[in-house]
Amino acid sequence: MKLKWKMQHIHNGCASACFAMLLSHYGIDKEDFEVIEETYMPFLVYYDAEGDIFKAGVMMQNYDTFNNMSQKYHLEYVENGCSTWDVFSKEADNLLKGDNPFMTGVAKGFIPSKGYDEIRKTDKESGGHAIVIYKKDNNFFWALDPSGGLDRNKDYRFADVRELVEIKISSSQLKEGIENKEGKRFLIGYLRKSDSFDTKSLNEQLGISRKAMLVFKTKMHNFRAILSKDPETNNYRRYMRYVFNYIKPIAMDFRNAIEAIQNKTDIQKDLISRLKRLQQTAVSYQRNVKSQSTEDEDFFIVLRSLANLVYELSLRHFDSLSMV
């Protein structure tokens, strides 16, 4: 088999590891952290005004992002959202008959691997997880899972963990797993040879990132007012909604991608440090809100100060790529 198993080392980076597997089918040997760096995820931030939520870093695994890398190898990453299982099944059959593996997303609890036994006991309908499907045998699909519940801080040989990461899953079980996944369902992502791409330029993507970080700074400066205007009566739920929408994407997803860079600049190291502090500050205040303590003015002062630093360092971080 030309396809090589690649392990997920980065939190929320399962699609990047799967993309590395798809590249291996074309003889391109990359790890997930190399995919993250070469797709420019460490430089990507997006603000969805309609949903009032940020997306950043490793959560920017999509058509434009993967093609930042694949076009260097005259390959195009194609992402199709199928409307129904029947449409998905037909496209899957066509790709596999042409010896073309693809990635899709399923709920972890439906993946028949011993690595997810604990998840099945607690939350079978867990968040989406990317796998690569490479073969169909009668009514069963064969897939490679980049995680298998393995320790991400260790490296493993495929032969030693094969029973955890090579999956034989029935059509009905795959269908159920896809239907119970959060987010886009019946998604198929694959590579094909191409020299024509309909993607945003890198400068356009960096421009979006700069604008998003300005929105983030503004949100942090107005965080107290935003909380007070929310009609939710439960202070803890109100606070956690905005932590999830605003702070987590920047403090964690953006940071995780920057941490994947192999040779970091001093600016990137400083930015990582400030983002960690941002996360710690949010978690600390979370405990305060949960205990029903009185509002802490110092938290909002620190939040504004950190937002200013993160914004300025982010702009310098973005500029370092635009000058390359």
C-alpha atoms as a PDB file:
ATOM      1  CA  MET A   1       0.000   0.000   0.000  1.00  0.00           C
ATOM      2  CA  LYS A   2       1.387   3.406  -1.024  1.00  0.00           C
ATOM      3  CA  LEU A   3      -0.530   5.151   1.746  1.00  0.00           C
ATOM      4  CA  LYS A   4       1.489   5.632   4.933  1.00  0.00           C
ATOM      5  CA  TRP A   5      -0.002   5.947   8.402  1.00  0.00           C
ATOM      6  CA  LYS A   6       0.763   9.296  10.032  1.00  0.00           C
ATOM      7  CA  MET A   7       0.255  10.036  13.696  1.00  0.00           C
ATOM      8  CA  GLN A   8      -1.585  13.002  15.170  1.00  0.00           C
ATOM      9  CA  HIS A   9       0.778  14.908  17.476  1.00  0.00           C
ATOM     10  CA  ILE A  10      -1.148  18.205  17.708  1.00  0.00           C
ATOM     11  CA  HIS A  11      -4.396  18.771  19.631  1.00  0.00           C
ATOM     12  CA  ASN A  12      -7.276  19.171  17.137  1.00  0.00           C
ATOM     13  CA  GLY A  13      -4.815  18.398  14.324  1.00  0.00           C
ATOM     14  CA  CYS A  14      -6.368  15.133  13.139  1.00  0.00           C
ATOM     15  CA  ALA A  15      -7.196  16.535   9.685  1.00  0.00           C
ATOM     16  CA  SER A  16      -3.591  17.697   9.251  1.00  0.00           C
ATOM     17  CA  ALA A  17      -2.346  14.201  10.038  1.00  0.00           C
ATOM     18  CA  CYS A  18      -4.870  12.793   7.556  1.00  0.00           C
ATOM     19  CA  PHE A  19      -3.708  15.301   4.954  1.00  0.00           C
ATOM     20  CA  ALA A  20      -0.152  14.041   5.523  1.00  0.00           C
ATOM     21  CA  MET A  21      -1.440  10.525   4.777  1.00  0.00           C
ATOM     22  CA  LEU A  22      -3.059  11.725   1.539  1.00  0.00           C
ATOM     23  CA  LEU A  23       0.247  13.325   0.540  1.00  0.00           C
ATOM     24  CA  SER A  24       2.064  10.045   1.235  1.00  0.00           C
ATOM     25  CA  HIS A  25      -0.089   8.396  -1.452  1.00  0.00           C
ATOM     26  CA  TYR A  26       1.729  10.677  -3.922  1.00  0.00           C
ATOM     27  CA  GLY A  27       5.171   9.928  -2.460  1.00  0.00           C
ATOM     28  CA  ILE A  28       5.366  13.088  -0.308  1.00  0.00           C
ATOM     29  CA  ASP A  29       6.522  12.263   3.216  1.00  0.00           C
ATOM     30  CA  LYS A  30       5.352  14.813   5.802  1.00  0.00           C
ATOM     31  CA  GLU A  31       4.273  14.776   9.453  1.00  0.00           C
ATOM     32  CA  ASP A  32       1.256  16.635  10.851  1.00  0.00           C
ATOM     33  CA  PHE A  33       3.344  19.446  12.371  1.00  0.00           C
ATOM     34  CA  GLU A  34       5.025  19.994   8.990  1.00  0.00           C
ATOM     35  CA  VAL A  35       1.613  20.197   7.324  1.00  0.00           C
ATOM     36  CA  ILE A  36       0.481  22.774   9.878  1.00  0.00           C
ATOM     37  CA  GLU A  37       3.545  24.938   9.247  1.00  0.00           C
ATOM     38  CA  GLU A  38       3.586  24.573   5.442  1.00  0.00           C
ATOM     39  CA  THR A  39      -0.132  25.356   5.111  1.00  0.00           C
ATOM     40  CA  TYR A  40       0.471  28.594   7.089  1.00  0.00           C
ATOM     41  CA  MET A  41      -2.045  27.678   9.798  1.00  0.00           C
ATOM     42  CA  PRO A  42       0.116  29.437  12.433  1.00  0.00           C
ATOM     43  CA  PHE A  43      -0.677  32.688  10.610  1.00  0.00           C
ATOM     44  CA  LEU A  44      -4.409  32.250  10.057  1.00  0.00           C
ATOM     45  CA  VAL A  45      -7.177  33.823  12.137  1.00  0.00           C
ATOM     46  CA  TYR A  46     -10.770  34.382  11.060  1.00  0.00           C
ATOM     47  CA  TYR A  47     -13.711  36.125  12.686  1.00  0.00           C
ATOM     48  CA  ASP A  48     -17.170  34.861  11.754  1.00  0.00           C
ATOM     49  CA  ALA A  49     -19.345  37.925  12.387  1.00  0.00           C
ATOM     50  CA  GLU A  50     -22.609  36.043  11.830  1.00  0.00           C
ATOM     51  CA  GLY A  51     -21.767  33.395  14.416  1.00  0.00           C
ATOM     52  CA  ASP A  52     -19.802  35.868  16.577  1.00  0.00           C
ATOM     53  CA  ILE A  53     -16.934  33.394  16.897  1.00  0.00           C
ATOM     54  CA  PHE A  54     -13.239  33.227  16.020  1.00  0.00           C
ATOM     55  CA  LYS A  55     -11.483  30.391  14.215  1.00  0.00           C
ATOM     56  CA  ALA A  56      -7.717  30.190  14.203  1.00  0.00           C
ATOM     57  CA  GLY A  57      -4.646  28.038  13.768  1.00  0.00           C
ATOM     58  CA  VAL A  58      -5.342  24.301  13.748  1.00  0.00           C
ATOM     59  CA  MET A  59      -9.087  24.923  13.389  1.00  0.00           C
ATOM     60  CA  MET A  60      -8.441  26.453   9.942  1.00  0.00           C
ATOM     61  CA  GLN A  61      -8.055  23.056   8.248  1.00  0.00           C
ATOM     62  CA  ASN A  62      -9.950  23.674   5.000  1.00  0.00           C
ATOM     63  CA  TYR A  63      -9.738  23.973   1.206  1.00  0.00           C
ATOM     64  CA  ASP A  64      -7.747  27.216   1.045  1.00  0.00           C
ATOM     65  CA  THR A  65      -5.399  26.221   3.841  1.00  0.00           C
ATOM     66  CA  PHE A  66      -4.477  22.752   2.585  1.00  0.00           C
ATOM     67  CA  ASN A  67      -4.005  24.094  -0.937  1.00  0.00           C
ATOM     68  CA  ASN A  68      -1.448  26.589   0.380  1.00  0.00           C
ATOM     69  CA  MET A  69       0.740  23.492   0.592  1.00  0.00           C
ATOM     70  CA  SER A  70      -0.571  21.039  -2.005  1.00  0.00           C
ATOM     71  CA  GLN A  71      -0.172  23.419  -4.950  1.00  0.00           C
ATOM     72  CA  LYS A  72       3.611  23.330  -4.410  1.00  0.00           C
ATOM     73  CA  TYR A  73       3.411  19.688  -5.491  1.00  0.00           C
ATOM     74  CA  HIS A  74       0.971  20.298  -8.381  1.00  0.00           C
ATOM     75  CA  LEU A  75      -1.833  18.743  -6.375  1.00  0.00           C
ATOM     76  CA  GLU A  76      -5.228  20.159  -5.492  1.00  0.00           C
ATOM     77  CA  TYR A  77      -7.065  19.342  -2.284  1.00  0.00           C
ATOM     78  CA  VAL A  78     -10.739  18.898  -3.162  1.00  0.00           C
ATOM     79  CA  GLU A  79     -13.394  19.090  -0.450  1.00  0.00           C
ATOM     80  CA  ASN A  80     -16.926  17.970  -1.234  1.00  0.00           C
ATOM     81  CA  GLY A  81     -19.850  18.173   1.155  1.00  0.00           C
ATOM     82  CA  CYS A  82     -22.271  15.405   0.152  1.00  0.00           C
ATOM     83  CA  SER A  83     -25.946  16.039   0.846  1.00  0.00           C
ATOM     84  CA  THR A  84     -26.861  12.473   1.808  1.00  0.00           C
ATOM     85  CA  TRP A  85     -25.296   9.128   2.654  1.00  0.00           C
ATOM     86  CA  ASP A  86     -26.202   7.795  -0.808  1.00  0.00           C
ATOM     87  CA  VAL A  87     -24.312  10.630  -2.505  1.00  0.00           C
ATOM     88  CA  PHE A  88     -21.375  10.122  -0.128  1.00  0.00           C
ATOM     89  CA  SER A  89     -21.335   6.366  -0.745  1.00  0.00           C
ATOM     90  CA  LYS A  90     -21.338   6.745  -4.542  1.00  0.00           C
ATOM     91  CA  GLU A  91     -18.497   9.286  -4.487  1.00  0.00           C
ATOM     92  CA  ALA A  92     -16.535   7.123  -2.062  1.00  0.00           C
ATOM     93  CA  ASP A  93     -16.933   4.109  -4.356  1.00  0.00           C
ATOM     94  CA  ASN A  94     -15.742   6.102  -7.381  1.00  0.00           C
ATOM     95  CA  LEU A  95     -12.666   7.410  -5.569  1.00  0.00           C
ATOM     96  CA  LEU A  96     -11.683   4.036  -4.134  1.00  0.00           C
ATOM     97  CA  LYS A  97     -12.142   2.284  -7.495  1.00  0.00           C
ATOM     98  CA  GLY A  98      -9.620   4.777  -8.844  1.00  0.00           C
ATOM     99  CA  ASP A  99      -7.209   3.995  -5.980  1.00  0.00           C
ATOM    100  CA  ASN A 100      -7.747   7.456  -4.494  1.00  0.00           C
ATOM    101  CA  PRO A 101      -7.960   7.532  -0.662  1.00  0.00           C
ATOM    102  CA  PHE A 102      -9.961  10.296   1.011  1.00  0.00           C
ATOM    103  CA  MET A 103     -10.527  11.766   4.450  1.00  0.00           C
ATOM    104  CA  THR A 104     -13.819  12.182   6.229  1.00  0.00           C
ATOM    105  CA  GLY A 105     -15.008  13.005   9.737  1.00  0.00           C
ATOM    106  CA  VAL A 106     -16.780  10.689  12.189  1.00  0.00           C
ATOM    107  CA  ALA A 107     -17.737  10.774  15.853  1.00  0.00           C
ATOM    108  CA  LYS A 108     -14.922   9.049  17.766  1.00  0.00           C
ATOM    109  CA  GLY A 109     -17.241   6.811  19.724  1.00  0.00           C
ATOM    110  CA  PHE A 110     -18.313   5.034  16.529  1.00  0.00           C
ATOM    111  CA  ILE A 111     -14.763   4.121  15.488  1.00  0.00           C
ATOM    112  CA  PRO A 112     -14.272   0.394  16.230  1.00  0.00           C
ATOM    113  CA  SER A 113     -10.892   0.676  17.940  1.00  0.00           C
ATOM    114  CA  LYS A 114      -9.935  -0.361  21.470  1.00  0.00           C
ATOM    115  CA  GLY A 115      -8.357   3.075  21.795  1.00  0.00           C
ATOM    116  CA  TYR A 116     -11.826   4.595  22.148  1.00  0.00           C
ATOM    117  CA  ASP A 117     -13.331   2.135  24.630  1.00  0.00           C
ATOM    118  CA  GLU A 118     -13.483   4.800  27.354  1.00  0.00           C
ATOM    119  CA  ILE A 119     -15.144   7.328  25.040  1.00  0.00           C
ATOM    120  CA  ARG A 120     -17.829   4.789  24.177  1.00  0.00           C
ATOM    121  CA  LYS A 121     -18.608   4.370  27.875  1.00  0.00           C
ATOM    122  CA  THR A 122     -19.071   8.094  28.484  1.00  0.00           C
ATOM    123  CA  ASP A 123     -19.935   9.986  25.309  1.00  0.00           C
ATOM    124  CA  LYS A 124     -20.402   7.935  22.149  1.00  0.00           C
ATOM    125  CA  GLU A 125     -21.601  10.953  20.195  1.00  0.00           C
ATOM    126  CA  SER A 126     -18.368  12.861  20.748  1.00  0.00           C
ATOM    127  CA  GLY A 127     -16.897  15.572  18.511  1.00  0.00           C
ATOM    128  CA  GLY A 128     -15.778  14.932  14.958  1.00  0.00           C
ATOM    129  CA  HIS A 129     -12.508  13.153  14.204  1.00  0.00           C
ATOM    130  CA  ALA A 130     -10.818  12.807  10.802  1.00  0.00           C
ATOM    131  CA  ILE A 131      -9.820   9.445   9.363  1.00  0.00           C
ATOM    132  CA  VAL A 132      -8.543   8.334   5.931  1.00  0.00           C
ATOM    133  CA  ILE A 133     -10.527   5.705   4.042  1.00  0.00           C
ATOM    134  CA  TYR A 134      -8.450   3.774   1.514  1.00  0.00           C
ATOM    135  CA  LYS A 135     -10.358   0.592   0.588  1.00  0.00           C
ATOM    136  CA  LYS A 136     -13.811  -0.945   0.410  1.00  0.00           C
ATOM    137  CA  ASP A 137     -14.330  -4.676   0.760  1.00  0.00           C
ATOM    138  CA  ASN A 138     -17.939  -5.745   0.160  1.00  0.00           C
ATOM    139  CA  ASN A 139     -19.913  -3.897   2.847  1.00  0.00           C
ATOM    140  CA  PHE A 140     -16.887  -2.767   4.853  1.00  0.00           C
ATOM    141  CA  PHE A 141     -14.561   0.215   4.603  1.00  0.00           C
ATOM    142  CA  TRP A 142     -10.897   0.109   5.614  1.00  0.00           C
ATOM    143  CA  ALA A 143      -9.448   3.256   7.184  1.00  0.00           C
ATOM    144  CA  LEU A 144      -6.406   4.651   8.954  1.00  0.00           C
ATOM    145  CA  ASP A 145      -6.925   6.680  12.120  1.00  0.00           C
ATOM    146  CA  PRO A 146      -4.169   9.178  13.045  1.00  0.00           C
ATOM    147  CA  SER A 147      -4.952   8.918  16.758  1.00  0.00           C
ATOM    148  CA  GLY A 148      -6.295   5.586  17.961  1.00  0.00           C
ATOM    149  CA  GLY A 149      -6.258   6.994  21.487  1.00  0.00           C
ATOM    150  CA  LEU A 150      -2.437   6.979  21.514  1.00  0.00           C
ATOM    151  CA  ASP A 151      -0.273   9.273  23.650  1.00  0.00           C
ATOM    152  CA  ARG A 152       0.483  12.273  21.405  1.00  0.00           C
ATOM    153  CA  ASN A 153       3.767  12.931  23.211  1.00  0.00           C
ATOM    154  CA  LYS A 154       5.217   9.636  22.007  1.00  0.00           C
ATOM    155  CA  ASP A 155       6.122   8.272  18.583  1.00  0.00           C
ATOM    156  CA  TYR A 156       4.972   4.837  17.459  1.00  0.00           C
ATOM    157  CA  ARG A 157       5.725   2.464  14.618  1.00  0.00           C
ATOM    158  CA  PHE A 158       2.673   1.512  12.560  1.00  0.00           C
ATOM    159  CA  ALA A 159       3.401  -2.192  13.021  1.00  0.00           C
ATOM    160  CA  ASP A 160       3.271  -1.807  16.810  1.00  0.00           C
ATOM    161  CA  VAL A 161      -0.080   0.035  16.926  1.00  0.00           C
ATOM    162  CA  ARG A 162      -1.770  -1.361  13.833  1.00  0.00           C
ATOM    163  CA  GLU A 163      -4.649  -2.951  15.744  1.00  0.00           C
ATOM    164  CA  LEU A 164      -5.522   0.479  17.200  1.00  0.00           C
ATOM    165  CA  VAL A 165      -5.200   2.628  14.070  1.00  0.00           C
ATOM    166  CA  GLU A 166      -6.165   0.384  11.145  1.00  0.00           C
ATOM    167  CA  ILE A 167      -9.943   0.122  11.122  1.00  0.00           C
ATOM    168  CA  LYS A 168     -12.461  -2.124   9.430  1.00  0.00           C
ATOM    169  CA  ILE A 169     -15.834  -0.433   9.719  1.00  0.00           C
ATOM    170  CA  SER A 170     -19.174  -1.478   8.244  1.00  0.00           C
ATOM    171  CA  SER A 171     -21.098   0.853   5.949  1.00  0.00           C
ATOM    172  CA  SER A 172     -23.912   1.187   8.481  1.00  0.00           C
ATOM    173  CA  GLN A 173     -21.497   1.988  11.314  1.00  0.00           C
ATOM    174  CA  LEU A 174     -19.651   4.566   9.203  1.00  0.00           C
ATOM    175  CA  LYS A 175     -22.957   6.176   8.224  1.00  0.00           C
ATOM    176  CA  GLU A 176     -24.027   6.396  11.866  1.00  0.00           C
ATOM    177  CA  GLY A 177     -20.634   7.769  12.903  1.00  0.00           C
ATOM    178  CA  ILE A 178     -20.783  10.502  10.276  1.00  0.00           C
ATOM    179  CA  GLU A 179     -24.387  11.394  11.133  1.00  0.00           C
ATOM    180  CA  ASN A 180     -23.508  11.788  14.816  1.00  0.00           C
ATOM    181  CA  LYS A 181     -20.468  13.983  14.180  1.00  0.00           C
ATOM    182  CA  GLU A 182     -20.558  17.666  15.055  1.00  0.00           C
ATOM    183  CA  GLY A 183     -20.150  20.149  12.199  1.00  0.00           C
ATOM    184  CA  LYS A 184     -20.120  19.328   8.477  1.00  0.00           C
ATOM    185  CA  ARG A 185     -21.445  15.842   7.702  1.00  0.00           C
ATOM    186  CA  PHE A 186     -20.726  13.512   4.762  1.00  0.00           C
ATOM    187  CA  LEU A 187     -17.563  15.436   3.924  1.00  0.00           C
ATOM    188  CA  ILE A 188     -15.040  13.954   1.496  1.00  0.00           C
ATOM    189  CA  GLY A 189     -11.561  15.456   1.099  1.00  0.00           C
ATOM    190  CA  TYR A 190      -9.027  14.100  -1.373  1.00  0.00           C
ATOM    191  CA  LEU A 191      -6.076  15.071  -3.574  1.00  0.00           C
ATOM    192  CA  ARG A 192      -5.867  15.134  -7.354  1.00  0.00           C
ATOM    193  CA  LYS A 193      -3.190  16.269  -9.776  1.00  0.00           C
ATOM    194  CA  SER A 194      -3.784  19.856 -10.884  1.00  0.00           C
ATOM    195  CA  ASP A 195      -2.086  23.138 -11.754  1.00  0.00           C
ATOM    196  CA  SER A 196      -5.233  25.247 -11.449  1.00  0.00           C
ATOM    197  CA  PHE A 197      -6.462  26.509  -8.074  1.00  0.00           C
ATOM    198  CA  ASP A 198      -9.371  28.663  -6.998  1.00  0.00           C
ATOM    199  CA  THR A 199      -7.929  29.750  -3.658  1.00  0.00           C
ATOM    200  CA  LYS A 200      -7.316  33.003  -1.818  1.00  0.00           C
ATOM    201  CA  SER A 201      -3.800  34.398  -2.133  1.00  0.00           C
ATOM    202  CA  LEU A 202      -1.566  34.324   0.922  1.00  0.00           C
ATOM    203  CA  ASN A 203      -1.734  38.115   1.167  1.00  0.00           C
ATOM    204  CA  GLU A 204      -5.549  37.941   1.194  1.00  0.00           C
ATOM    205  CA  GLN A 205      -5.430  35.357   3.968  1.00  0.00           C
ATOM    206  CA  LEU A 206      -2.998  37.450   6.019  1.00  0.00           C
ATOM    207  CA  GLY A 207      -5.232  40.484   5.524  1.00  0.00           C
ATOM    208  CA  ILE A 208      -8.155  38.512   6.970  1.00  0.00           C
ATOM    209  CA  SER A 209      -5.968  37.504   9.925  1.00  0.00           C
ATOM    210  CA  ARG A 210      -4.960  41.100  10.667  1.00  0.00           C
ATOM    211  CA  LYS A 211      -8.583  42.268  10.618  1.00  0.00           C
ATOM    212  CA  ALA A 212      -9.649  39.378  12.842  1.00  0.00           C
ATOM    213  CA  MET A 213      -6.992  40.204  15.435  1.00  0.00           C
ATOM    214  CA  LEU A 214      -8.172  43.810  15.544  1.00  0.00           C
ATOM    215  CA  VAL A 215     -11.702  42.536  16.232  1.00  0.00           C
ATOM    216  CA  PHE A 216     -10.270  40.291  18.955  1.00  0.00           C
ATOM    217  CA  LYS A 217      -8.512  43.212  20.648  1.00  0.00           C
ATOM    218  CA  THR A 218     -11.728  45.249  20.513  1.00  0.00           C
ATOM    219  CA  LYS A 219     -13.748  42.353  21.977  1.00  0.00           C
ATOM    220  CA  MET A 220     -11.307  42.012  24.884  1.00  0.00           C
ATOM    221  CA  HIS A 221     -11.413  45.744  25.588  1.00  0.00           C
ATOM    222  CA  ASN A 222     -15.225  45.564  25.675  1.00  0.00           C
ATOM    223  CA  PHE A 223     -15.436  42.174  27.386  1.00  0.00           C
ATOM    224  CA  ARG A 224     -17.086  43.444  30.560  1.00  0.00           C
ATOM    225  CA  ALA A 225     -19.766  45.299  28.608  1.00  0.00           C
ATOM    226  CA  ILE A 226     -20.359  42.260  26.363  1.00  0.00           C
ATOM    227  CA  LEU A 227     -20.922  40.052  29.411  1.00  0.00           C
ATOM    228  CA  SER A 228     -23.275  42.543  31.054  1.00  0.00           C
ATOM    229  CA  LYS A 229     -25.461  42.867  27.933  1.00  0.00           C
ATOM    230  CA  ASP A 230     -25.943  39.113  27.500  1.00  0.00           C
ATOM    231  CA  PRO A 231     -29.483  38.090  28.599  1.00  0.00           C
ATOM    232  CA  GLU A 232     -28.250  34.777  30.019  1.00  0.00           C
ATOM    233  CA  THR A 233     -28.964  34.839  33.774  1.00  0.00           C
ATOM    234  CA  ASN A 234     -26.392  32.199  34.689  1.00  0.00           C
ATOM    235  CA  ASN A 235     -23.080  34.047  35.036  1.00  0.00           C
ATOM    236  CA  TYR A 236     -20.966  30.922  34.539  1.00  0.00           C
ATOM    237  CA  ARG A 237     -22.686  29.831  31.309  1.00  0.00           C
ATOM    238  CA  ARG A 238     -22.543  33.407  30.026  1.00  0.00           C
ATOM    239  CA  TYR A 239     -18.820  33.658  30.726  1.00  0.00           C
ATOM    240  CA  MET A 240     -18.007  30.245  29.214  1.00  0.00           C
ATOM    241  CA  ARG A 241     -19.905  31.061  26.013  1.00  0.00           C
ATOM    242  CA  TYR A 242     -17.609  34.003  25.323  1.00  0.00           C
ATOM    243  CA  VAL A 243     -14.495  32.177  26.442  1.00  0.00           C
ATOM    244  CA  PHE A 244     -15.314  29.477  23.897  1.00  0.00           C
ATOM    245  CA  ASN A 245     -16.203  31.964  21.135  1.00  0.00           C
ATOM    246  CA  TYR A 246     -13.448  34.534  21.695  1.00  0.00           C
ATOM    247  CA  ILE A 247     -10.594  33.423  23.942  1.00  0.00           C
ATOM    248  CA  LYS A 248     -10.183  29.688  23.317  1.00  0.00           C
ATOM    249  CA  PRO A 249      -9.646  30.031  19.513  1.00  0.00           C
ATOM    250  CA  ILE A 250      -6.865  32.586  20.055  1.00  0.00           C
ATOM    251  CA  ALA A 251      -5.285  31.382  23.305  1.00  0.00           C
ATOM    252  CA  MET A 252      -5.312  27.686  22.346  1.00  0.00           C
ATOM    253  CA  ASP A 253      -5.968  26.942  18.645  1.00  0.00           C
ATOM    254  CA  PHE A 254      -3.824  29.814  17.353  1.00  0.00           C
ATOM    255  CA  ARG A 255      -1.094  28.985  19.888  1.00  0.00           C
ATOM    256  CA  ASN A 256      -1.110  25.250  19.087  1.00  0.00           C
ATOM    257  CA  ALA A 257      -0.403  26.049  15.452  1.00  0.00           C
ATOM    258  CA  ILE A 258       2.434  28.454  16.284  1.00  0.00           C
ATOM    259  CA  GLU A 259       3.949  25.839  18.596  1.00  0.00           C
ATOM    260  CA  ALA A 260       4.120  23.454  15.607  1.00  0.00           C
ATOM    261  CA  ILE A 261       6.670  25.734  13.907  1.00  0.00           C
ATOM    262  CA  GLN A 262      10.047  24.002  14.103  1.00  0.00           C
ATOM    263  CA  ASN A 263      12.359  27.030  14.100  1.00  0.00           C
ATOM    264  CA  LYS A 264      10.542  29.743  16.010  1.00  0.00           C
ATOM    265  CA  THR A 265      11.554  33.386  16.000  1.00  0.00           C
ATOM    266  CA  ASP A 266      11.820  35.401  19.209  1.00  0.00           C
ATOM    267  CA  ILE A 267       8.544  37.115  18.301  1.00  0.00           C
ATOM    268  CA  GLN A 268       6.797  33.750  17.966  1.00  0.00           C
ATOM    269  CA  LYS A 269       8.200  32.539  21.289  1.00  0.00           C
ATOM    270  CA  ASP A 270       7.017  35.747  22.972  1.00  0.00           C
ATOM    271  CA  LEU A 271       3.590  35.428  21.350  1.00  0.00           C
ATOM    272  CA  ILE A 272       3.256  31.832  22.579  1.00  0.00           C
ATOM    273  CA  SER A 273       4.105  32.987  26.097  1.00  0.00           C
ATOM    274  CA  ARG A 274       1.467  35.757  26.012  1.00  0.00           C
ATOM    275  CA  LEU A 275      -1.162  33.382  24.634  1.00  0.00           C
ATOM    276  CA  LYS A 276      -0.467  30.933  27.456  1.00  0.00           C
ATOM    277  CA  ARG A 277      -0.902  33.777  29.929  1.00  0.00           C
ATOM    278  CA  LEU A 278      -4.185  34.683  28.239  1.00  0.00           C
ATOM    279  CA  GLN A 279      -5.448  31.132  28.708  1.00  0.00           C
ATOM    280  CA  GLN A 280      -4.298  31.022  32.338  1.00  0.00           C
ATOM    281  CA  THR A 281      -6.002  34.348  33.064  1.00  0.00           C
ATOM    282  CA  ALA A 282      -9.285  33.137  31.543  1.00  0.00           C
ATOM    283  CA  VAL A 283      -9.158  29.857  33.498  1.00  0.00           C
ATOM    284  CA  SER A 284      -8.387  31.676  36.737  1.00  0.00           C
ATOM    285  CA  TYR A 285     -11.382  33.985  36.333  1.00  0.00           C
ATOM    286  CA  GLN A 286     -13.517  30.998  35.334  1.00  0.00           C
ATOM    287  CA  ARG A 287     -13.000  29.607  38.856  1.00  0.00           C
ATOM    288  CA  ASN A 288     -14.003  32.979  40.276  1.00  0.00           C
ATOM    289  CA  VAL A 289     -17.237  33.048  38.265  1.00  0.00           C
ATOM    290  CA  LYS A 290     -18.056  29.432  39.127  1.00  0.00           C
ATOM    291  CA  SER A 291     -17.722  30.111  42.845  1.00  0.00           C
ATOM    292  CA  GLN A 292     -20.104  33.080  42.503  1.00  0.00           C
ATOM    293  CA  SER A 293     -17.444  35.463  43.782  1.00  0.00           C
ATOM    294  CA  THR A 294     -17.745  39.188  43.187  1.00  0.00           C
ATOM    295  CA  GLU A 295     -16.536  40.660  39.913  1.00  0.00           C
ATOM    296  CA  ASP A 296     -12.768  41.172  39.784  1.00  0.00           C
ATOM    297  CA  GLU A 297     -11.770  44.477  38.205  1.00  0.00           C
ATOM    298  CA  ASP A 298      -8.148  43.328  37.907  1.00  0.00           C
ATOM    299  CA  PHE A 299      -9.190  40.569  35.504  1.00  0.00           C
ATOM    300  CA  PHE A 300     -10.541  43.047  32.952  1.00  0.00           C
ATOM    301  CA  ILE A 301      -7.442  45.249  33.294  1.00  0.00           C
ATOM    302  CA  VAL A 302      -5.120  42.282  32.708  1.00  0.00           C
ATOM    303  CA  LEU A 303      -7.303  41.080  29.819  1.00  0.00           C
ATOM    304  CA  ARG A 304      -7.055  44.444  28.044  1.00  0.00           C
ATOM    305  CA  SER A 305      -3.296  44.578  28.580  1.00  0.00           C
ATOM    306  CA  LEU A 306      -2.791  41.046  27.261  1.00  0.00           C
ATOM    307  CA  ALA A 307      -5.029  41.750  24.259  1.00  0.00           C
ATOM    308  CA  ASN A 308      -2.868  44.742  23.333  1.00  0.00           C
ATOM    309  CA  LEU A 309       0.332  42.678  23.554  1.00  0.00           C
ATOM    310  CA  VAL A 310      -1.133  39.724  21.657  1.00  0.00           C
ATOM    311  CA  TYR A 311      -2.407  42.043  18.923  1.00  0.00           C
ATOM    312  CA  GLU A 312       0.926  43.820  18.414  1.00  0.00           C
ATOM    313  CA  LEU A 313       2.937  40.578  18.479  1.00  0.00           C
ATOM    314  CA  SER A 314       0.494  38.934  16.075  1.00  0.00           C
ATOM    315  CA  LEU A 315       0.922  41.725  13.533  1.00  0.00           C
ATOM    316  CA  ARG A 316       4.698  41.332  13.706  1.00  0.00           C
ATOM    317  CA  HIS A 317       4.244  37.569  13.402  1.00  0.00           C
ATOM    318  CA  PHE A 318       2.091  38.004  10.278  1.00  0.00           C
ATOM    319  CA  ASP A 319       4.562  40.497   8.803  1.00  0.00           C
ATOM    320  CA  SER A 320       7.372  37.969   9.138  1.00  0.00           C
ATOM    321  CA  LEU A 321       5.564  35.689   6.659  1.00  0.00           C
ATOM    322  CA  SER A 322       4.501  38.427   4.241  1.00  0.00           C
ATOM    323  CA  MET A 323       8.167  39.493   3.947  1.00  0.00           C
ATOM    324  CA  VAL A 324       9.319  35.970   2.990  1.00  0.00           C
END
